Structure formats: structure tokens, C-alpha cells
Amino acid sequence: MAKSRWLEHEEPGSQDVKNEILRLLWSLNKGESVCPTDVARAFGPRWRQYVSLVKEVATDMSRDDQLDVIQNGELIDVDERELDSIKGPIRLRLPLRPSAVDND
């Protein structure tokens, strides 16, 4: 098992989770995604207790257009569906927006 950067007694907060989501996503190619559990696992062996926090932070980031939440390649509207209630795997990715460079 990979060693966590987090000590057993440390509790990650929302900003820690946001930073980890972004760290993981920035390490990927454009359009690639991560599972919320991948983010939670970064916080050590008790990662399961952080999955809901990851989904909560992902919801806030999605509302702020910092993140896309997808399932089966389709965007999920986090204002219509709570992430904890969704059956099946979901993924997190940076938003796919055309840049000024793409328009040339």
C-alpha cells in the first residue's frame, strides 16, 4: 500500500481535499479523470471515512465551475443530484472548455 502524506492523527479539511483533487487532476492529461476514492486514499488507511467529504468538496467545486463530475462520460448536474445518492461510479475531471489557443 502506498504511504500517505497524512499522519494518522491529522484530519483533512475541505481545503486539503480541494488541493488534493487539483493536485491529482493537474498530473493527468486533458480530459482524464479520477475517482473520488482515489482522492480519499491520499489521506491514508482510514480513507473510507473521507469519501463523503471528497464528494461534498467536488460538489462545491462543480458549482464554481472548477470541476466536472461525470458518470459514463455524461456530466452530472450537482444541483439536481446529490453525489452520495448516485448509484455506480462517478469521476472527477477538470472542465473541458475550449481555450483561446484552440480557436485559432
PDB file of N, CA and C in Angstrom:
ATOM      1  N   MET A   1       0.850  -1.177   0.000  1.00  0.00           N
ATOM      2  CA  MET A   1       0.000   0.000   0.000  1.00  0.00           C
ATOM      3  C   MET A   1       0.896   1.241   0.000  1.00  0.00           C
ATOM      4  N   ALA A   2       0.493   2.236  -0.778  1.00  0.00           N
ATOM      5  CA  ALA A   2       1.272   3.473  -0.865  1.00  0.00           C
ATOM      6  C   ALA A   2       1.230   4.206   0.467  1.00  0.00           C
ATOM      7  N   LYS A   3       2.328   4.801   0.826  1.00  0.00           N
ATOM      8  CA  LYS A   3       2.410   5.536   2.078  1.00  0.00           C
ATOM      9  C   LYS A   3       1.720   6.891   1.911  1.00  0.00           C
ATOM     10  N   SER A   4       0.923   7.246   2.871  1.00  0.00           N
ATOM     11  CA  SER A   4       0.199   8.504   2.840  1.00  0.00           C
ATOM     12  C   SER A   4       1.081   9.653   3.301  1.00  0.00           C
ATOM     13  N   ARG A   5       0.815  10.833   2.745  1.00  0.00           N
ATOM     14  CA  ARG A   5       1.480  12.043   3.210  1.00  0.00           C
ATOM     15  C   ARG A   5       0.864  12.512   4.525  1.00  0.00           C
ATOM     16  N   TRP A   6      -0.268  11.928   4.893  1.00  0.00           N
ATOM     17  CA  TRP A   6      -1.000  12.360   6.080  1.00  0.00           C
ATOM     18  C   TRP A   6      -0.675  11.454   7.252  1.00  0.00           C
ATOM     19  N   LEU A   7      -0.496  12.056   8.402  1.00  0.00           N
ATOM     20  CA  LEU A   7      -0.284  11.295   9.624  1.00  0.00           C
ATOM     21  C   LEU A   7      -1.623  10.788  10.135  1.00  0.00           C
ATOM     22  N   GLU A   8      -1.574   9.703  10.867  1.00  0.00           N
ATOM     23  CA  GLU A   8      -2.793   9.061  11.369  1.00  0.00           C
ATOM     24  C   GLU A   8      -3.672  10.026  12.173  1.00  0.00           C
ATOM     25  N   HIS A   9      -3.080  10.961  12.900  1.00  0.00           N
ATOM     26  CA  HIS A   9      -3.855  11.855  13.759  1.00  0.00           C
ATOM     27  C   HIS A   9      -4.337  13.110  13.041  1.00  0.00           C
ATOM     28  N   GLU A  10      -3.916  13.331  11.814  1.00  0.00           N
ATOM     29  CA  GLU A  10      -4.343  14.520  11.082  1.00  0.00           C
ATOM     30  C   GLU A  10      -5.701  14.292  10.418  1.00  0.00           C
ATOM     31  N   GLU A  11      -6.523  15.296  10.456  1.00  0.00           N
ATOM     32  CA  GLU A  11      -7.826  15.251   9.803  1.00  0.00           C
ATOM     33  C   GLU A  11      -7.828  16.271   8.667  1.00  0.00           C
ATOM     34  N   PRO A  12      -8.014  15.841   7.436  1.00  0.00           N
ATOM     35  CA  PRO A  12      -8.054  16.802   6.332  1.00  0.00           C
ATOM     36  C   PRO A  12      -9.324  17.631   6.372  1.00  0.00           C
ATOM     37  N   GLY A  13      -9.183  18.885   6.003  1.00  0.00           N
ATOM     38  CA  GLY A  13     -10.333  19.766   5.887  1.00  0.00           C
ATOM     39  C   GLY A  13     -10.709  19.946   4.428  1.00  0.00           C
ATOM     40  N   SER A  14     -11.706  20.744   4.172  1.00  0.00           N
ATOM     41  CA  SER A  14     -12.198  20.968   2.810  1.00  0.00           C
ATOM     42  C   SER A  14     -11.109  21.500   1.887  1.00  0.00           C
ATOM     43  N   GLN A  15     -10.298  22.438   2.381  1.00  0.00           N
ATOM     44  CA  GLN A  15      -9.237  22.997   1.543  1.00  0.00           C
ATOM     45  C   GLN A  15      -8.187  21.933   1.212  1.00  0.00           C
ATOM     46  N   ASP A  16      -7.892  21.058   2.169  1.00  0.00           N
ATOM     47  CA  ASP A  16      -6.948  19.963   1.923  1.00  0.00           C
ATOM     48  C   ASP A  16      -7.470  19.042   0.814  1.00  0.00           C
ATOM     49  N   VAL A  17      -8.757  18.743   0.877  1.00  0.00           N
ATOM     50  CA  VAL A  17      -9.373  17.869  -0.128  1.00  0.00           C
ATOM     51  C   VAL A  17      -9.346  18.554  -1.491  1.00  0.00           C
ATOM     52  N   LYS A  18      -9.707  19.827  -1.526  1.00  0.00           N
ATOM     53  CA  LYS A  18      -9.681  20.577  -2.793  1.00  0.00           C
ATOM     54  C   LYS A  18      -8.276  20.570  -3.388  1.00  0.00           C
ATOM     55  N   ASN A  19      -7.284  20.824  -2.553  1.00  0.00           N
ATOM     56  CA  ASN A  19      -5.902  20.818  -3.026  1.00  0.00           C
ATOM     57  C   ASN A  19      -5.502  19.458  -3.572  1.00  0.00           C
ATOM     58  N   GLU A  20      -5.948  18.389  -2.932  1.00  0.00           N
ATOM     59  CA  GLU A  20      -5.600  17.037  -3.397  1.00  0.00           C
ATOM     60  C   GLU A  20      -6.306  16.717  -4.706  1.00  0.00           C
ATOM     61  N   ILE A  21      -7.561  17.117  -4.844  1.00  0.00           N
ATOM     62  CA  ILE A  21      -8.278  16.918  -6.108  1.00  0.00           C
ATOM     63  C   ILE A  21      -7.512  17.604  -7.235  1.00  0.00           C
ATOM     64  N   LEU A  22      -7.163  18.860  -7.015  1.00  0.00           N
ATOM     65  CA  LEU A  22      -6.453  19.612  -8.048  1.00  0.00           C
ATOM     66  C   LEU A  22      -5.069  19.028  -8.322  1.00  0.00           C
ATOM     67  N   ARG A  23      -4.364  18.614  -7.281  1.00  0.00           N
ATOM     68  CA  ARG A  23      -3.038  18.019  -7.466  1.00  0.00           C
ATOM     69  C   ARG A  23      -3.128  16.779  -8.360  1.00  0.00           C
ATOM     70  N   LEU A  24      -4.090  15.934  -8.069  1.00  0.00           N
ATOM     71  CA  LEU A  24      -4.254  14.718  -8.867  1.00  0.00           C
ATOM     72  C   LEU A  24      -4.647  15.043 -10.303  1.00  0.00           C
ATOM     73  N   LEU A  25      -5.597  15.954 -10.476  1.00  0.00           N
ATOM     74  CA  LEU A  25      -6.074  16.270 -11.824  1.00  0.00           C
ATOM     75  C   LEU A  25      -5.023  16.986 -12.662  1.00  0.00           C
ATOM     76  N   TRP A  26      -4.246  17.858 -12.039  1.00  0.00           N
ATOM     77  CA  TRP A  26      -3.202  18.567 -12.787  1.00  0.00           C
ATOM     78  C   TRP A  26      -2.090  17.626 -13.236  1.00  0.00           C
ATOM     79  N   SER A  27      -1.999  16.455 -12.615  1.00  0.00           N
ATOM     80  CA  SER A  27      -0.963  15.492 -13.006  1.00  0.00           C
ATOM     81  C   SER A  27      -1.399  14.631 -14.195  1.00  0.00           C
ATOM     82  N   LEU A  28      -2.640  14.784 -14.625  1.00  0.00           N
ATOM     83  CA  LEU A  28      -3.202  13.981 -15.721  1.00  0.00           C
ATOM     84  C   LEU A  28      -3.207  14.762 -17.025  1.00  0.00           C
ATOM     85  N   ASN A  29      -3.449  14.053 -18.109  1.00  0.00           N
ATOM     86  CA  ASN A  29      -3.643  14.687 -19.407  1.00  0.00           C
ATOM     87  C   ASN A  29      -5.036  15.301 -19.472  1.00  0.00           C
ATOM     88  N   LYS A  30      -5.208  16.274 -20.354  1.00  0.00           N
ATOM     89  CA  LYS A  30      -6.503  16.925 -20.542  1.00  0.00           C
ATOM     90  C   LYS A  30      -7.578  15.874 -20.815  1.00  0.00           C
ATOM     91  N   GLY A  31      -8.686  15.988 -20.089  1.00  0.00           N
ATOM     92  CA  GLY A  31      -9.819  15.088 -20.283  1.00  0.00           C
ATOM     93  C   GLY A  31      -9.791  13.839 -19.423  1.00  0.00           C
ATOM     94  N   GLU A  32      -8.650  13.543 -18.791  1.00  0.00           N
ATOM     95  CA  GLU A  32      -8.584  12.377 -17.918  1.00  0.00           C
ATOM     96  C   GLU A  32      -9.235  12.703 -16.578  1.00  0.00           C
ATOM     97  N   SER A  33      -9.629  11.671 -15.851  1.00  0.00           N
ATOM     98  CA  SER A  33     -10.390  11.872 -14.624  1.00  0.00           C
ATOM     99  C   SER A  33      -9.890  10.970 -13.505  1.00  0.00           C
ATOM    100  N   VAL A  34     -10.364  11.262 -12.307  1.00  0.00           N
ATOM    101  CA  VAL A  34     -10.062  10.445 -11.137  1.00  0.00           C
ATOM    102  C   VAL A  34     -11.363  10.074 -10.446  1.00  0.00           C
ATOM    103  N   CYS A  35     -11.291   9.004  -9.707  1.00  0.00           N
ATOM    104  CA  CYS A  35     -12.412   8.569  -8.886  1.00  0.00           C
ATOM    105  C   CYS A  35     -12.330   9.286  -7.539  1.00  0.00           C
ATOM    106  N   PRO A  36     -13.450   9.640  -6.927  1.00  0.00           N
ATOM    107  CA  PRO A  36     -13.399  10.257  -5.595  1.00  0.00           C
ATOM    108  C   PRO A  36     -12.614   9.409  -4.586  1.00  0.00           C
ATOM    109  N   THR A  37     -12.655   8.098  -4.736  1.00  0.00           N
ATOM    110  CA  THR A  37     -11.904   7.253  -3.800  1.00  0.00           C
ATOM    111  C   THR A  37     -10.396   7.397  -3.994  1.00  0.00           C
ATOM    112  N   ASP A  38      -9.957   7.739  -5.224  1.00  0.00           N
ATOM    113  CA  ASP A  38      -8.530   7.997  -5.448  1.00  0.00           C
ATOM    114  C   ASP A  38      -8.079   9.190  -4.606  1.00  0.00           C
ATOM    115  N   VAL A  39      -8.926  10.191  -4.530  1.00  0.00           N
ATOM    116  CA  VAL A  39      -8.627  11.375  -3.734  1.00  0.00           C
ATOM    117  C   VAL A  39      -8.606  10.995  -2.250  1.00  0.00           C
ATOM    118  N   ALA A  40      -9.625  10.293  -1.805  1.00  0.00           N
ATOM    119  CA  ALA A  40      -9.726   9.911  -0.388  1.00  0.00           C
ATOM    120  C   ALA A  40      -8.542   9.054   0.045  1.00  0.00           C
ATOM    121  N   ARG A  41      -8.076   8.174  -0.832  1.00  0.00           N
ATOM    122  CA  ARG A  41      -6.955   7.291  -0.482  1.00  0.00           C
ATOM    123  C   ARG A  41      -5.673   8.067  -0.166  1.00  0.00           C
ATOM    124  N   ALA A  42      -5.558   9.266  -0.680  1.00  0.00           N
ATOM    125  CA  ALA A  42      -4.376  10.085  -0.400  1.00  0.00           C
ATOM    126  C   ALA A  42      -4.287  10.449   1.082  1.00  0.00           C
ATOM    127  N   PHE A  43      -5.378  10.290   1.811  1.00  0.00           N
ATOM    128  CA  PHE A  43      -5.410  10.677   3.217  1.00  0.00           C
ATOM    129  C   PHE A  43      -5.166   9.502   4.162  1.00  0.00           C
ATOM    130  N   GLY A  44      -4.670   8.404   3.623  1.00  0.00           N
ATOM    131  CA  GLY A  44      -4.217   7.322   4.481  1.00  0.00           C
ATOM    132  C   GLY A  44      -5.160   6.142   4.609  1.00  0.00           C
ATOM    133  N   PRO A  45      -4.842   5.258   5.542  1.00  0.00           N
ATOM    134  CA  PRO A  45      -5.562   3.993   5.664  1.00  0.00           C
ATOM    135  C   PRO A  45      -7.029   4.143   6.080  1.00  0.00           C
ATOM    136  N   ARG A  46      -7.377   5.266   6.651  1.00  0.00           N
ATOM    137  CA  ARG A  46      -8.789   5.480   7.021  1.00  0.00           C
ATOM    138  C   ARG A  46      -9.530   6.245   5.926  1.00  0.00           C
ATOM    139  N   TRP A  47      -9.109   6.070   4.685  1.00  0.00           N
ATOM    140  CA  TRP A  47      -9.613   6.851   3.561  1.00  0.00           C
ATOM    141  C   TRP A  47     -11.119   6.769   3.386  1.00  0.00           C
ATOM    142  N   ARG A  48     -11.723   5.639   3.735  1.00  0.00           N
ATOM    143  CA  ARG A  48     -13.173   5.469   3.512  1.00  0.00           C
ATOM    144  C   ARG A  48     -13.999   6.536   4.233  1.00  0.00           C
ATOM    145  N   GLN A  49     -13.507   6.988   5.384  1.00  0.00           N
ATOM    146  CA  GLN A  49     -14.269   7.988   6.136  1.00  0.00           C
ATOM    147  C   GLN A  49     -14.235   9.360   5.461  1.00  0.00           C
ATOM    148  N   TYR A  50     -13.378   9.530   4.450  1.00  0.00           N
ATOM    149  CA  TYR A  50     -13.258  10.826   3.778  1.00  0.00           C
ATOM    150  C   TYR A  50     -13.965  10.889   2.427  1.00  0.00           C
ATOM    151  N   VAL A  51     -14.541   9.790   1.971  1.00  0.00           N
ATOM    152  CA  VAL A  51     -15.176   9.777   0.651  1.00  0.00           C
ATOM    153  C   VAL A  51     -16.329  10.779   0.582  1.00  0.00           C
ATOM    154  N   SER A  52     -17.145  10.849   1.610  1.00  0.00           N
ATOM    155  CA  SER A  52     -18.258  11.816   1.602  1.00  0.00           C
ATOM    156  C   SER A  52     -17.748  13.249   1.564  1.00  0.00           C
ATOM    157  N   LEU A  53     -16.666  13.533   2.291  1.00  0.00           N
ATOM    158  CA  LEU A  53     -16.078  14.866   2.264  1.00  0.00           C
ATOM    159  C   LEU A  53     -15.550  15.191   0.874  1.00  0.00           C
ATOM    160  N   VAL A  54     -14.930  14.219   0.223  1.00  0.00           N
ATOM    161  CA  VAL A  54     -14.443  14.422  -1.144  1.00  0.00           C
ATOM    162  C   VAL A  54     -15.621  14.761  -2.067  1.00  0.00           C
ATOM    163  N   LYS A  55     -16.707  14.039  -1.948  1.00  0.00           N
ATOM    164  CA  LYS A  55     -17.877  14.296  -2.794  1.00  0.00           C
ATOM    165  C   LYS A  55     -18.498  15.661  -2.485  1.00  0.00           C
ATOM    166  N   GLU A  56     -18.484  16.046  -1.222  1.00  0.00           N
ATOM    167  CA  GLU A  56     -19.004  17.358  -0.826  1.00  0.00           C
ATOM    168  C   GLU A  56     -18.156  18.479  -1.444  1.00  0.00           C
ATOM    169  N   VAL A  57     -16.843  18.345  -1.354  1.00  0.00           N
ATOM    170  CA  VAL A  57     -15.939  19.343  -1.925  1.00  0.00           C
ATOM    171  C   VAL A  57     -16.071  19.358  -3.449  1.00  0.00           C
ATOM    172  N   ALA A  58     -16.182  18.176  -4.053  1.00  0.00           N
ATOM    173  CA  ALA A  58     -16.349  18.089  -5.509  1.00  0.00           C
ATOM    174  C   ALA A  58     -17.640  18.782  -5.947  1.00  0.00           C
ATOM    175  N   THR A  59     -18.691  18.645  -5.170  1.00  0.00           N
ATOM    176  CA  THR A  59     -19.954  19.330  -5.475  1.00  0.00           C
ATOM    177  C   THR A  59     -19.755  20.837  -5.477  1.00  0.00           C
ATOM    178  N   ASP A  60     -19.099  21.345  -4.439  1.00  0.00           N
ATOM    179  CA  ASP A  60     -18.845  22.791  -4.363  1.00  0.00           C
ATOM    180  C   ASP A  60     -17.975  23.256  -5.533  1.00  0.00           C
ATOM    181  N   MET A  61     -16.945  22.487  -5.858  1.00  0.00           N
ATOM    182  CA  MET A  61     -16.062  22.851  -6.967  1.00  0.00           C
ATOM    183  C   MET A  61     -16.814  22.830  -8.292  1.00  0.00           C
ATOM    184  N   SER A  62     -17.723  21.876  -8.451  1.00  0.00           N
ATOM    185  CA  SER A  62     -18.516  21.794  -9.678  1.00  0.00           C
ATOM    186  C   SER A  62     -19.444  23.005  -9.796  1.00  0.00           C
ATOM    187  N   ARG A  63     -20.046  23.396  -8.691  1.00  0.00           N
ATOM    188  CA  ARG A  63     -20.915  24.585  -8.700  1.00  0.00           C
ATOM    189  C   ARG A  63     -20.130  25.850  -9.047  1.00  0.00           C
ATOM    190  N   ASP A  64     -18.843  25.865  -8.703  1.00  0.00           N
ATOM    191  CA  ASP A  64     -17.977  27.013  -9.001  1.00  0.00           C
ATOM    192  C   ASP A  64     -17.277  26.869 -10.354  1.00  0.00           C
ATOM    193  N   ASP A  65     -17.689  25.891 -11.149  1.00  0.00           N
ATOM    194  CA  ASP A  65     -17.115  25.618 -12.477  1.00  0.00           C
ATOM    195  C   ASP A  65     -15.620  25.318 -12.443  1.00  0.00           C
ATOM    196  N   GLN A  66     -15.144  24.738 -11.338  1.00  0.00           N
ATOM    197  CA  GLN A  66     -13.746  24.345 -11.223  1.00  0.00           C
ATOM    198  C   GLN A  66     -13.540  22.871 -11.542  1.00  0.00           C
ATOM    199  N   LEU A  67     -14.637  22.150 -11.710  1.00  0.00           N
ATOM    200  CA  LEU A  67     -14.572  20.700 -11.802  1.00  0.00           C
ATOM    201  C   LEU A  67     -15.803  20.179 -12.530  1.00  0.00           C
ATOM    202  N   ASP A  68     -15.626  19.128 -13.313  1.00  0.00           N
ATOM    203  CA  ASP A  68     -16.757  18.396 -13.879  1.00  0.00           C
ATOM    204  C   ASP A  68     -16.910  17.101 -13.114  1.00  0.00           C
ATOM    205  N   VAL A  69     -18.136  16.754 -12.805  1.00  0.00           N
ATOM    206  CA  VAL A  69     -18.450  15.454 -12.223  1.00  0.00           C
ATOM    207  C   VAL A  69     -19.160  14.680 -13.325  1.00  0.00           C
ATOM    208  N   ILE A  70     -18.641  13.501 -13.646  1.00  0.00           N
ATOM    209  CA  ILE A  70     -19.191  12.732 -14.767  1.00  0.00           C
ATOM    210  C   ILE A  70     -19.501  11.295 -14.338  1.00  0.00           C
ATOM    211  N   GLN A  71     -20.435  10.724 -15.067  1.00  0.00           N
ATOM    212  CA  GLN A  71     -20.769   9.301 -14.920  1.00  0.00           C
ATOM    213  C   GLN A  71     -21.051   8.772 -16.312  1.00  0.00           C
ATOM    214  N   ASN A  72     -20.362   7.715 -16.668  1.00  0.00           N
ATOM    215  CA  ASN A  72     -20.487   7.135 -18.011  1.00  0.00           C
ATOM    216  C   ASN A  72     -20.265   8.186 -19.099  1.00  0.00           C
ATOM    217  N   GLY A  73     -19.334   9.103 -18.860  1.00  0.00           N
ATOM    218  CA  GLY A  73     -19.000  10.123 -19.843  1.00  0.00           C
ATOM    219  C   GLY A  73     -19.952  11.301 -19.907  1.00  0.00           C
ATOM    220  N   GLU A  74     -21.001  11.283 -19.109  1.00  0.00           N
ATOM    221  CA  GLU A  74     -22.000  12.353 -19.116  1.00  0.00           C
ATOM    222  C   GLU A  74     -21.833  13.241 -17.889  1.00  0.00           C
ATOM    223  N   LEU A  75     -21.967  14.562 -18.099  1.00  0.00           N
ATOM    224  CA  LEU A  75     -21.904  15.496 -16.980  1.00  0.00           C
ATOM    225  C   LEU A  75     -23.070  15.294 -16.027  1.00  0.00           C
ATOM    226  N   ILE A  76     -22.786  15.375 -14.752  1.00  0.00           N
ATOM    227  CA  ILE A  76     -23.824  15.305 -13.727  1.00  0.00           C
ATOM    228  C   ILE A  76     -24.086  16.724 -13.239  1.00  0.00           C
ATOM    229  N   ASP A  77     -25.345  17.105 -13.196  1.00  0.00           N
ATOM    230  CA  ASP A  77     -25.735  18.402 -12.648  1.00  0.00           C
ATOM    231  C   ASP A  77     -25.850  18.231 -11.134  1.00  0.00           C
ATOM    232  N   VAL A  78     -24.883  18.778 -10.397  1.00  0.00           N
ATOM    233  CA  VAL A  78     -24.854  18.577  -8.949  1.00  0.00           C
ATOM    234  C   VAL A  78     -25.963  19.332  -8.235  1.00  0.00           C
ATOM    235  N   ASP A  79     -26.645  20.225  -8.929  1.00  0.00           N
ATOM    236  CA  ASP A  79     -27.790  20.894  -8.327  1.00  0.00           C
ATOM    237  C   ASP A  79     -29.051  20.033  -8.423  1.00  0.00           C
ATOM    238  N   GLU A  80     -29.015  19.032  -9.290  1.00  0.00           N
ATOM    239  CA  GLU A  80     -30.165  18.143  -9.457  1.00  0.00           C
ATOM    240  C   GLU A  80     -30.003  16.816  -8.722  1.00  0.00           C
ATOM    241  N   ARG A  81     -28.748  16.392  -8.512  1.00  0.00           N
ATOM    242  CA  ARG A  81     -28.500  15.082  -7.897  1.00  0.00           C
ATOM    243  C   ARG A  81     -27.384  15.178  -6.866  1.00  0.00           C
ATOM    244  N   GLU A  82     -27.634  14.650  -5.678  1.00  0.00           N
ATOM    245  CA  GLU A  82     -26.597  14.585  -4.655  1.00  0.00           C
ATOM    246  C   GLU A  82     -25.636  13.456  -5.006  1.00  0.00           C
ATOM    247  N   LEU A  83     -24.342  13.723  -4.922  1.00  0.00           N
ATOM    248  CA  LEU A  83     -23.354  12.728  -5.321  1.00  0.00           C
ATOM    249  C   LEU A  83     -23.416  11.468  -4.461  1.00  0.00           C
ATOM    250  N   ASP A  84     -23.733  11.606  -3.172  1.00  0.00           N
ATOM    251  CA  ASP A  84     -23.823  10.421  -2.312  1.00  0.00           C
ATOM    252  C   ASP A  84     -24.989   9.514  -2.685  1.00  0.00           C
ATOM    253  N   SER A  85     -25.974  10.039  -3.414  1.00  0.00           N
ATOM    254  CA  SER A  85     -27.150   9.234  -3.775  1.00  0.00           C
ATOM    255  C   SER A  85     -26.999   8.546  -5.134  1.00  0.00           C
ATOM    256  N   ILE A  86     -25.952   8.845  -5.863  1.00  0.00           N
ATOM    257  CA  ILE A  86     -25.776   8.300  -7.201  1.00  0.00           C
ATOM    258  C   ILE A  86     -25.285   6.860  -7.126  1.00  0.00           C
ATOM    259  N   LYS A  87     -25.948   5.992  -7.833  1.00  0.00           N
ATOM    260  CA  LYS A  87     -25.535   4.587  -7.918  1.00  0.00           C
ATOM    261  C   LYS A  87     -24.496   4.450  -9.023  1.00  0.00           C
ATOM    262  N   GLY A  88     -23.472   3.671  -8.757  1.00  0.00           N
ATOM    263  CA  GLY A  88     -22.442   3.448  -9.755  1.00  0.00           C
ATOM    264  C   GLY A  88     -21.312   4.451  -9.634  1.00  0.00           C
ATOM    265  N   PRO A  89     -20.230   4.187 -10.357  1.00  0.00           N
ATOM    266  CA  PRO A  89     -19.041   5.029 -10.233  1.00  0.00           C
ATOM    267  C   PRO A  89     -19.218   6.402 -10.877  1.00  0.00           C
ATOM    268  N   ILE A  90     -18.616   7.387 -10.220  1.00  0.00           N
ATOM    269  CA  ILE A  90     -18.540   8.732 -10.783  1.00  0.00           C
ATOM    270  C   ILE A  90     -17.067   9.090 -10.901  1.00  0.00           C
ATOM    271  N   ARG A  91     -16.779  10.079 -11.714  1.00  0.00           N
ATOM    272  CA  ARG A  91     -15.407  10.521 -11.940  1.00  0.00           C
ATOM    273  C   ARG A  91     -15.348  12.041 -11.830  1.00  0.00           C
ATOM    274  N   LEU A  92     -14.165  12.532 -11.520  1.00  0.00           N
ATOM    275  CA  LEU A  92     -13.922  13.967 -11.422  1.00  0.00           C
ATOM    276  C   LEU A  92     -12.882  14.338 -12.459  1.00  0.00           C
ATOM    277  N   ARG A  93     -13.097  15.458 -13.150  1.00  0.00           N
ATOM    278  CA  ARG A  93     -12.109  15.931 -14.127  1.00  0.00           C
ATOM    279  C   ARG A  93     -12.151  17.449 -14.179  1.00  0.00           C
ATOM    280  N   LEU A  94     -11.069  18.008 -14.692  1.00  0.00           N
ATOM    281  CA  LEU A  94     -11.060  19.448 -14.935  1.00  0.00           C
ATOM    282  C   LEU A  94     -12.045  19.746 -16.056  1.00  0.00           C
ATOM    283  N   PRO A  95     -12.701  20.899 -16.020  1.00  0.00           N
ATOM    284  CA  PRO A  95     -13.684  21.227 -17.059  1.00  0.00           C
ATOM    285  C   PRO A  95     -13.051  21.231 -18.449  1.00  0.00           C
ATOM    286  N   LEU A  96     -13.791  20.750 -19.409  1.00  0.00           N
ATOM    287  CA  LEU A  96     -13.348  20.747 -20.810  1.00  0.00           C
ATOM    288  C   LEU A  96     -13.926  21.985 -21.478  1.00  0.00           C
ATOM    289  N   ARG A  97     -13.153  23.028 -21.498  1.00  0.00           N
ATOM    290  CA  ARG A  97     -13.587  24.271 -22.135  1.00  0.00           C
ATOM    291  C   ARG A  97     -12.597  24.598 -23.234  1.00  0.00           C
ATOM    292  N   PRO A  98     -13.079  25.079 -24.363  1.00  0.00           N
ATOM    293  CA  PRO A  98     -12.135  25.490 -25.404  1.00  0.00           C
ATOM    294  C   PRO A  98     -11.329  26.691 -24.934  1.00  0.00           C
ATOM    295  N   SER A  99     -10.053  26.645 -25.209  1.00  0.00           N
ATOM    296  CA  SER A  99      -9.203  27.793 -24.855  1.00  0.00           C
ATOM    297  C   SER A  99      -9.049  28.682 -26.066  1.00  0.00           C
ATOM    298  N   ALA A 100      -8.493  29.860 -25.863  1.00  0.00           N
ATOM    299  CA  ALA A 100      -8.247  30.795 -26.968  1.00  0.00           C
ATOM    300  C   ALA A 100      -7.314  30.164 -28.005  1.00  0.00           C
ATOM    301  N   VAL A 101      -6.387  29.312 -27.547  1.00  0.00           N
ATOM    302  CA  VAL A 101      -5.450  28.647 -28.447  1.00  0.00           C
ATOM    303  C   VAL A 101      -6.192  27.680 -29.356  1.00  0.00           C
ATOM    304  N   ASP A 102      -7.222  26.996 -28.821  1.00  0.00           N
ATOM    305  CA  ASP A 102      -7.973  26.033 -29.616  1.00  0.00           C
ATOM    306  C   ASP A 102      -8.777  26.686 -30.729  1.00  0.00           C
ATOM    307  N   ASN A 103      -9.078  27.971 -30.573  1.00  0.00           N
ATOM    308  CA  ASN A 103      -9.914  28.661 -31.553  1.00  0.00           C
ATOM    309  C   ASN A 103      -9.136  29.182 -32.751  1.00  0.00           C
ATOM    310  N   ASP A 104      -7.827  29.090 -32.721  1.00  0.00           N
ATOM    311  CA  ASP A 104      -7.014  29.592 -33.843  1.00  0.00           C
ATOM    312  C   ASP A 104      -7.022  28.643 -35.014  1.00  0.00           C
TER     313      ASP A 104
END
